[in-house]
Amino acid sequence: MMKVTVENIIAGSVLEGEIDIEGISSALEGARFQPEVMDGLIYELTDPRADIFLLRNGVIKLHGVTSKEDLAGAVKGFLSVLSARGFKLNHKGPLSIQEIIASVELGRKLSPKDIYDEFKKDGIHYDPNELPGFHLNIGSSRIEILIFPEGKVISRGATDISDAVSSLEMVLGRLS
């Protein structure tokens, strides 16, 4: 049985209310606001662990969470932190997952030749100057698989955890 680890869920939503980026940035210890780089701020929430990007237009992006429960908890936690500092924003929703990054550690090395031979008809790509592993697009989906000869396989681009898991299962089934 393979153990899939969700490494990162990237999601977005919208907050409504008066978005005072400069004020919020000053009030939140550790918030980073660099207007020359981004028209918003970055805040690291600790419980649940998440990197939050808040833009002036109310768009909120979340990175670094590893479960759907933590995703909802991060939005709620961020709103709570803002509220405690006098900023009354509401979650306008919906919270949409944009990408899931999941991985499997095989515990064994893979032969680069075997990887290539198995997936060459599927358009596998290998450029060691770009990435020290193989890159494979799964059909017409947005899902990409990265296969590293050291024994790690990564799925990225799925918007549902079950799709990330099934893409990894499919690739690992063919590598067995």
C-alpha atoms as a PDB file:
ATOM      1  CA  MET A   1       0.000   0.000   0.000  1.00  0.00           C
ATOM      2  CA  MET A   2       1.481   3.316  -1.010  1.00  0.00           C
ATOM      3  CA  LYS A   3       1.470   6.217   1.415  1.00  0.00           C
ATOM      4  CA  VAL A   4       0.535   9.454  -0.331  1.00  0.00           C
ATOM      5  CA  THR A   5       1.610  12.649   1.394  1.00  0.00           C
ATOM      6  CA  VAL A   6      -0.218  15.860   0.571  1.00  0.00           C
ATOM      7  CA  GLU A   7       2.631  18.370   0.437  1.00  0.00           C
ATOM      8  CA  ASN A   8       0.694  21.528  -0.373  1.00  0.00           C
ATOM      9  CA  ILE A   9      -2.789  22.712  -1.259  1.00  0.00           C
ATOM     10  CA  ILE A  10      -3.076  26.010  -3.080  1.00  0.00           C
ATOM     11  CA  ALA A  11      -6.480  27.663  -2.939  1.00  0.00           C
ATOM     12  CA  GLY A  12      -8.149  30.987  -3.435  1.00  0.00           C
ATOM     13  CA  SER A  13     -11.213  32.906  -2.440  1.00  0.00           C
ATOM     14  CA  VAL A  14     -12.453  36.453  -1.894  1.00  0.00           C
ATOM     15  CA  LEU A  15     -12.844  38.548   1.239  1.00  0.00           C
ATOM     16  CA  GLU A  16     -15.156  41.519   1.386  1.00  0.00           C
ATOM     17  CA  GLY A  17     -15.057  44.624   3.487  1.00  0.00           C
ATOM     18  CA  GLU A  18     -12.653  47.534   3.677  1.00  0.00           C
ATOM     19  CA  ILE A  19      -9.279  46.145   2.606  1.00  0.00           C
ATOM     20  CA  ASP A  20      -6.690  48.516   4.080  1.00  0.00           C
ATOM     21  CA  ILE A  21      -3.500  46.708   3.070  1.00  0.00           C
ATOM     22  CA  GLU A  22      -1.176  49.272   4.661  1.00  0.00           C
ATOM     23  CA  GLY A  23      -3.158  49.260   7.927  1.00  0.00           C
ATOM     24  CA  ILE A  24      -3.411  45.483   8.050  1.00  0.00           C
ATOM     25  CA  SER A  25       0.294  45.177   7.282  1.00  0.00           C
ATOM     26  CA  SER A  26       1.164  47.523  10.152  1.00  0.00           C
ATOM     27  CA  ALA A  27      -1.193  45.768  12.577  1.00  0.00           C
ATOM     28  CA  LEU A  28      -0.114  42.187  11.857  1.00  0.00           C
ATOM     29  CA  GLU A  29       3.258  41.285  13.281  1.00  0.00           C
ATOM     30  CA  GLY A  30       5.268  39.487  10.630  1.00  0.00           C
ATOM     31  CA  ALA A  31       3.101  40.614   7.697  1.00  0.00           C
ATOM     32  CA  ARG A  32       5.163  41.504   4.642  1.00  0.00           C
ATOM     33  CA  PHE A  33       3.995  44.303   2.399  1.00  0.00           C
ATOM     34  CA  GLN A  34       6.202  45.218  -0.537  1.00  0.00           C
ATOM     35  CA  PRO A  35       4.096  47.256  -2.995  1.00  0.00           C
ATOM     36  CA  GLU A  36       6.885  47.293  -5.567  1.00  0.00           C
ATOM     37  CA  VAL A  37       6.656  43.482  -5.720  1.00  0.00           C
ATOM     38  CA  MET A  38       2.962  42.751  -5.138  1.00  0.00           C
ATOM     39  CA  ASP A  39      -0.198  44.779  -4.598  1.00  0.00           C
ATOM     40  CA  GLY A  40      -0.968  42.958  -1.391  1.00  0.00           C
ATOM     41  CA  LEU A  41       0.560  41.414   1.680  1.00  0.00           C
ATOM     42  CA  ILE A  42       1.863  38.054   2.776  1.00  0.00           C
ATOM     43  CA  TYR A  43       1.093  36.704   6.232  1.00  0.00           C
ATOM     44  CA  GLU A  44       2.204  33.454   7.802  1.00  0.00           C
ATOM     45  CA  LEU A  45      -0.518  31.918   9.904  1.00  0.00           C
ATOM     46  CA  THR A  46       0.743  29.405  12.466  1.00  0.00           C
ATOM     47  CA  ASP A  47      -2.401  27.469  13.392  1.00  0.00           C
ATOM     48  CA  PRO A  48      -3.169  25.922  11.033  1.00  0.00           C
ATOM     49  CA  ARG A  49       0.095  26.529   9.214  1.00  0.00           C
ATOM     50  CA  ALA A  50      -0.551  28.549   6.022  1.00  0.00           C
ATOM     51  CA  ASP A  51       0.953  31.309   3.921  1.00  0.00           C
ATOM     52  CA  ILE A  52      -1.754  33.824   3.101  1.00  0.00           C
ATOM     53  CA  PHE A  53      -1.587  36.346   0.289  1.00  0.00           C
ATOM     54  CA  LEU A  54      -4.167  39.137   0.577  1.00  0.00           C
ATOM     55  CA  LEU A  55      -4.570  41.497  -2.369  1.00  0.00           C
ATOM     56  CA  ARG A  56      -6.197  44.942  -2.332  1.00  0.00           C
ATOM     57  CA  ASN A  57      -9.162  43.685  -4.352  1.00  0.00           C
ATOM     58  CA  GLY A  58     -10.007  41.140  -1.629  1.00  0.00           C
ATOM     59  CA  VAL A  59      -8.575  38.112  -3.388  1.00  0.00           C
ATOM     60  CA  ILE A  60      -6.987  35.771  -0.873  1.00  0.00           C
ATOM     61  CA  LYS A  61      -4.603  32.957  -1.830  1.00  0.00           C
ATOM     62  CA  LEU A  62      -3.556  30.242   0.589  1.00  0.00           C
ATOM     63  CA  HIS A  63      -0.463  28.051   0.309  1.00  0.00           C
ATOM     64  CA  GLY A  64       1.116  25.501   2.575  1.00  0.00           C
ATOM     65  CA  VAL A  65      -1.914  23.720   4.006  1.00  0.00           C
ATOM     66  CA  THR A  66      -2.072  19.952   3.701  1.00  0.00           C
ATOM     67  CA  SER A  67      -5.758  19.158   4.202  1.00  0.00           C
ATOM     68  CA  LYS A  68      -9.159  20.555   3.257  1.00  0.00           C
ATOM     69  CA  GLU A  69      -9.942  20.995   6.957  1.00  0.00           C
ATOM     70  CA  ASP A  70      -6.820  23.123   7.448  1.00  0.00           C
ATOM     71  CA  LEU A  71      -7.758  25.154   4.386  1.00  0.00           C
ATOM     72  CA  ALA A  72     -11.100  26.187   5.895  1.00  0.00           C
ATOM     73  CA  GLY A  73      -9.426  26.657   9.286  1.00  0.00           C
ATOM     74  CA  ALA A  74      -6.791  28.951   7.779  1.00  0.00           C
ATOM     75  CA  VAL A  75      -9.396  31.316   6.332  1.00  0.00           C
ATOM     76  CA  LYS A  76     -11.306  31.313   9.614  1.00  0.00           C
ATOM     77  CA  GLY A  77      -8.078  31.813  11.594  1.00  0.00           C
ATOM     78  CA  PHE A  78      -6.925  34.686   9.383  1.00  0.00           C
ATOM     79  CA  LEU A  79     -10.291  36.436   9.697  1.00  0.00           C
ATOM     80  CA  SER A  80     -10.090  35.965  13.464  1.00  0.00           C
ATOM     81  CA  VAL A  81      -6.596  37.508  13.607  1.00  0.00           C
ATOM     82  CA  LEU A  82      -7.838  40.456  11.525  1.00  0.00           C
ATOM     83  CA  SER A  83     -10.939  40.880  13.665  1.00  0.00           C
ATOM     84  CA  ALA A  84      -8.850  40.914  16.862  1.00  0.00           C
ATOM     85  CA  ARG A  85      -6.969  43.885  15.401  1.00  0.00           C
ATOM     86  CA  GLY A  86     -10.115  45.781  14.381  1.00  0.00           C
ATOM     87  CA  PHE A  87     -10.431  44.760  10.718  1.00  0.00           C
ATOM     88  CA  LYS A  88     -13.897  43.456   9.941  1.00  0.00           C
ATOM     89  CA  LEU A  89     -13.682  41.396   6.770  1.00  0.00           C
ATOM     90  CA  ASN A  90     -16.008  38.598   5.694  1.00  0.00           C
ATOM     91  CA  HIS A  91     -15.360  35.505   3.639  1.00  0.00           C
ATOM     92  CA  LYS A  92     -17.343  35.991   0.459  1.00  0.00           C
ATOM     93  CA  GLY A  93     -16.438  32.504  -0.797  1.00  0.00           C
ATOM     94  CA  PRO A  94     -16.362  30.033  -2.312  1.00  0.00           C
ATOM     95  CA  LEU A  95     -12.985  28.603  -1.349  1.00  0.00           C
ATOM     96  CA  SER A  96     -11.650  26.905  -4.469  1.00  0.00           C
ATOM     97  CA  ILE A  97      -8.695  24.543  -4.638  1.00  0.00           C
ATOM     98  CA  GLN A  98      -6.435  25.521  -7.518  1.00  0.00           C
ATOM     99  CA  GLU A  99      -3.712  22.916  -7.135  1.00  0.00           C
ATOM    100  CA  ILE A 100      -2.776  19.969  -4.961  1.00  0.00           C
ATOM    101  CA  ILE A 101       0.789  18.754  -4.725  1.00  0.00           C
ATOM    102  CA  ALA A 102       1.078  15.193  -3.409  1.00  0.00           C
ATOM    103  CA  SER A 103       3.940  12.730  -3.333  1.00  0.00           C
ATOM    104  CA  VAL A 104       4.970   9.156  -2.735  1.00  0.00           C
ATOM    105  CA  GLU A 105       8.364   7.954  -1.509  1.00  0.00           C
ATOM    106  CA  LEU A 106       9.022   4.539  -3.028  1.00  0.00           C
ATOM    107  CA  GLY A 107      11.930   3.614  -0.782  1.00  0.00           C
ATOM    108  CA  ARG A 108      13.898   2.390  -3.785  1.00  0.00           C
ATOM    109  CA  LYS A 109      15.698   3.864  -6.749  1.00  0.00           C
ATOM    110  CA  LEU A 110      14.204   3.741 -10.224  1.00  0.00           C
ATOM    111  CA  SER A 111      16.078   3.098 -13.429  1.00  0.00           C
ATOM    112  CA  PRO A 112      15.933   6.195 -15.669  1.00  0.00           C
ATOM    113  CA  LYS A 113      15.902   3.868 -18.697  1.00  0.00           C
ATOM    114  CA  ASP A 114      12.939   1.917 -17.313  1.00  0.00           C
ATOM    115  CA  ILE A 115      11.052   5.149 -16.569  1.00  0.00           C
ATOM    116  CA  TYR A 116      11.658   6.440 -20.080  1.00  0.00           C
ATOM    117  CA  ASP A 117      10.840   3.139 -21.775  1.00  0.00           C
ATOM    118  CA  GLU A 118       7.554   2.784 -19.887  1.00  0.00           C
ATOM    119  CA  PHE A 119       6.263   6.292 -20.644  1.00  0.00           C
ATOM    120  CA  LYS A 120       7.933   7.286 -23.933  1.00  0.00           C
ATOM    121  CA  LYS A 121       4.683   6.774 -25.878  1.00  0.00           C
ATOM    122  CA  ASP A 122       2.951   9.054 -23.357  1.00  0.00           C
ATOM    123  CA  GLY A 123       5.284  11.966 -24.104  1.00  0.00           C
ATOM    124  CA  ILE A 124       7.507  11.817 -21.031  1.00  0.00           C
ATOM    125  CA  HIS A 125      10.071  14.602 -20.972  1.00  0.00           C
ATOM    126  CA  TYR A 126      13.513  14.690 -19.372  1.00  0.00           C
ATOM    127  CA  ASP A 127      15.806  17.703 -19.315  1.00  0.00           C
ATOM    128  CA  PRO A 128      18.360  17.540 -16.487  1.00  0.00           C
ATOM    129  CA  ASN A 129      19.113  21.253 -17.006  1.00  0.00           C
ATOM    130  CA  GLU A 130      15.505  22.003 -16.105  1.00  0.00           C
ATOM    131  CA  LEU A 131      14.733  19.338 -13.497  1.00  0.00           C
ATOM    132  CA  PRO A 132      16.589  16.269 -12.190  1.00  0.00           C
ATOM    133  CA  GLY A 133      13.600  14.077 -12.939  1.00  0.00           C
ATOM    134  CA  PHE A 134      11.080  13.114 -15.590  1.00  0.00           C
ATOM    135  CA  HIS A 135       8.020  15.188 -16.407  1.00  0.00           C
ATOM    136  CA  LEU A 136       4.797  13.532 -17.593  1.00  0.00           C
ATOM    137  CA  ASN A 137       1.430  15.138 -18.371  1.00  0.00           C
ATOM    138  CA  ILE A 138      -1.524  12.893 -17.573  1.00  0.00           C
ATOM    139  CA  GLY A 139      -3.825  12.766 -20.598  1.00  0.00           C
ATOM    140  CA  SER A 140      -5.709  15.981 -21.222  1.00  0.00           C
ATOM    141  CA  SER A 141      -5.914  16.852 -17.527  1.00  0.00           C
ATOM    142  CA  ARG A 142      -3.882  19.571 -15.839  1.00  0.00           C
ATOM    143  CA  ILE A 143      -2.159  16.921 -13.746  1.00  0.00           C
ATOM    144  CA  GLU A 144       1.584  16.596 -14.107  1.00  0.00           C
ATOM    145  CA  ILE A 145       3.680  13.820 -12.655  1.00  0.00           C
ATOM    146  CA  LEU A 146       7.320  14.273 -11.743  1.00  0.00           C
ATOM    147  CA  ILE A 147       9.291  11.047 -11.437  1.00  0.00           C
ATOM    148  CA  PHE A 148      12.693  11.163  -9.784  1.00  0.00           C
ATOM    149  CA  PRO A 149      15.115   8.234 -10.171  1.00  0.00           C
ATOM    150  CA  GLU A 150      15.892   8.551  -6.436  1.00  0.00           C
ATOM    151  CA  GLY A 151      12.434   7.107  -5.784  1.00  0.00           C
ATOM    152  CA  LYS A 152      10.088  10.043  -5.291  1.00  0.00           C
ATOM    153  CA  VAL A 153       7.015  10.587  -7.461  1.00  0.00           C
ATOM    154  CA  ILE A 154       5.061  13.857  -7.288  1.00  0.00           C
ATOM    155  CA  SER A 155       1.617  14.741  -8.609  1.00  0.00           C
ATOM    156  CA  ARG A 156       0.792  18.395  -9.170  1.00  0.00           C
ATOM    157  CA  GLY A 157      -2.109  20.210 -10.762  1.00  0.00           C
ATOM    158  CA  ALA A 158      -5.020  18.137  -9.455  1.00  0.00           C
ATOM    159  CA  THR A 159      -7.841  20.069  -7.812  1.00  0.00           C
ATOM    160  CA  ASP A 160      -9.139  17.085  -5.862  1.00  0.00           C
ATOM    161  CA  ILE A 161      -7.118  14.850  -3.555  1.00  0.00           C
ATOM    162  CA  SER A 162      -8.641  11.692  -5.056  1.00  0.00           C
ATOM    163  CA  ASP A 163      -7.405  12.752  -8.528  1.00  0.00           C
ATOM    164  CA  ALA A 164      -3.894  13.330  -7.173  1.00  0.00           C
ATOM    165  CA  VAL A 165      -3.912   9.896  -5.532  1.00  0.00           C
ATOM    166  CA  SER A 166      -5.294   8.107  -8.606  1.00  0.00           C
ATOM    167  CA  SER A 167      -2.698   9.759 -10.876  1.00  0.00           C
ATOM    168  CA  LEU A 168       0.066   8.524  -8.573  1.00  0.00           C
ATOM    169  CA  GLU A 169      -1.482   5.035  -8.408  1.00  0.00           C
ATOM    170  CA  MET A 170      -1.636   4.859 -12.202  1.00  0.00           C
ATOM    171  CA  VAL A 171       2.003   5.833 -12.658  1.00  0.00           C
ATOM    172  CA  LEU A 172       3.239   3.576  -9.854  1.00  0.00           C
ATOM    173  CA  GLY A 173       1.211   0.667 -11.234  1.00  0.00           C
ATOM    174  CA  ARG A 174       3.039   1.004 -14.521  1.00  0.00           C
ATOM    175  CA  LEU A 175       6.436   1.319 -12.814  1.00  0.00           C
ATOM    176  CA  SER A 176       5.988  -1.887 -10.777  1.00  0.00           C
END
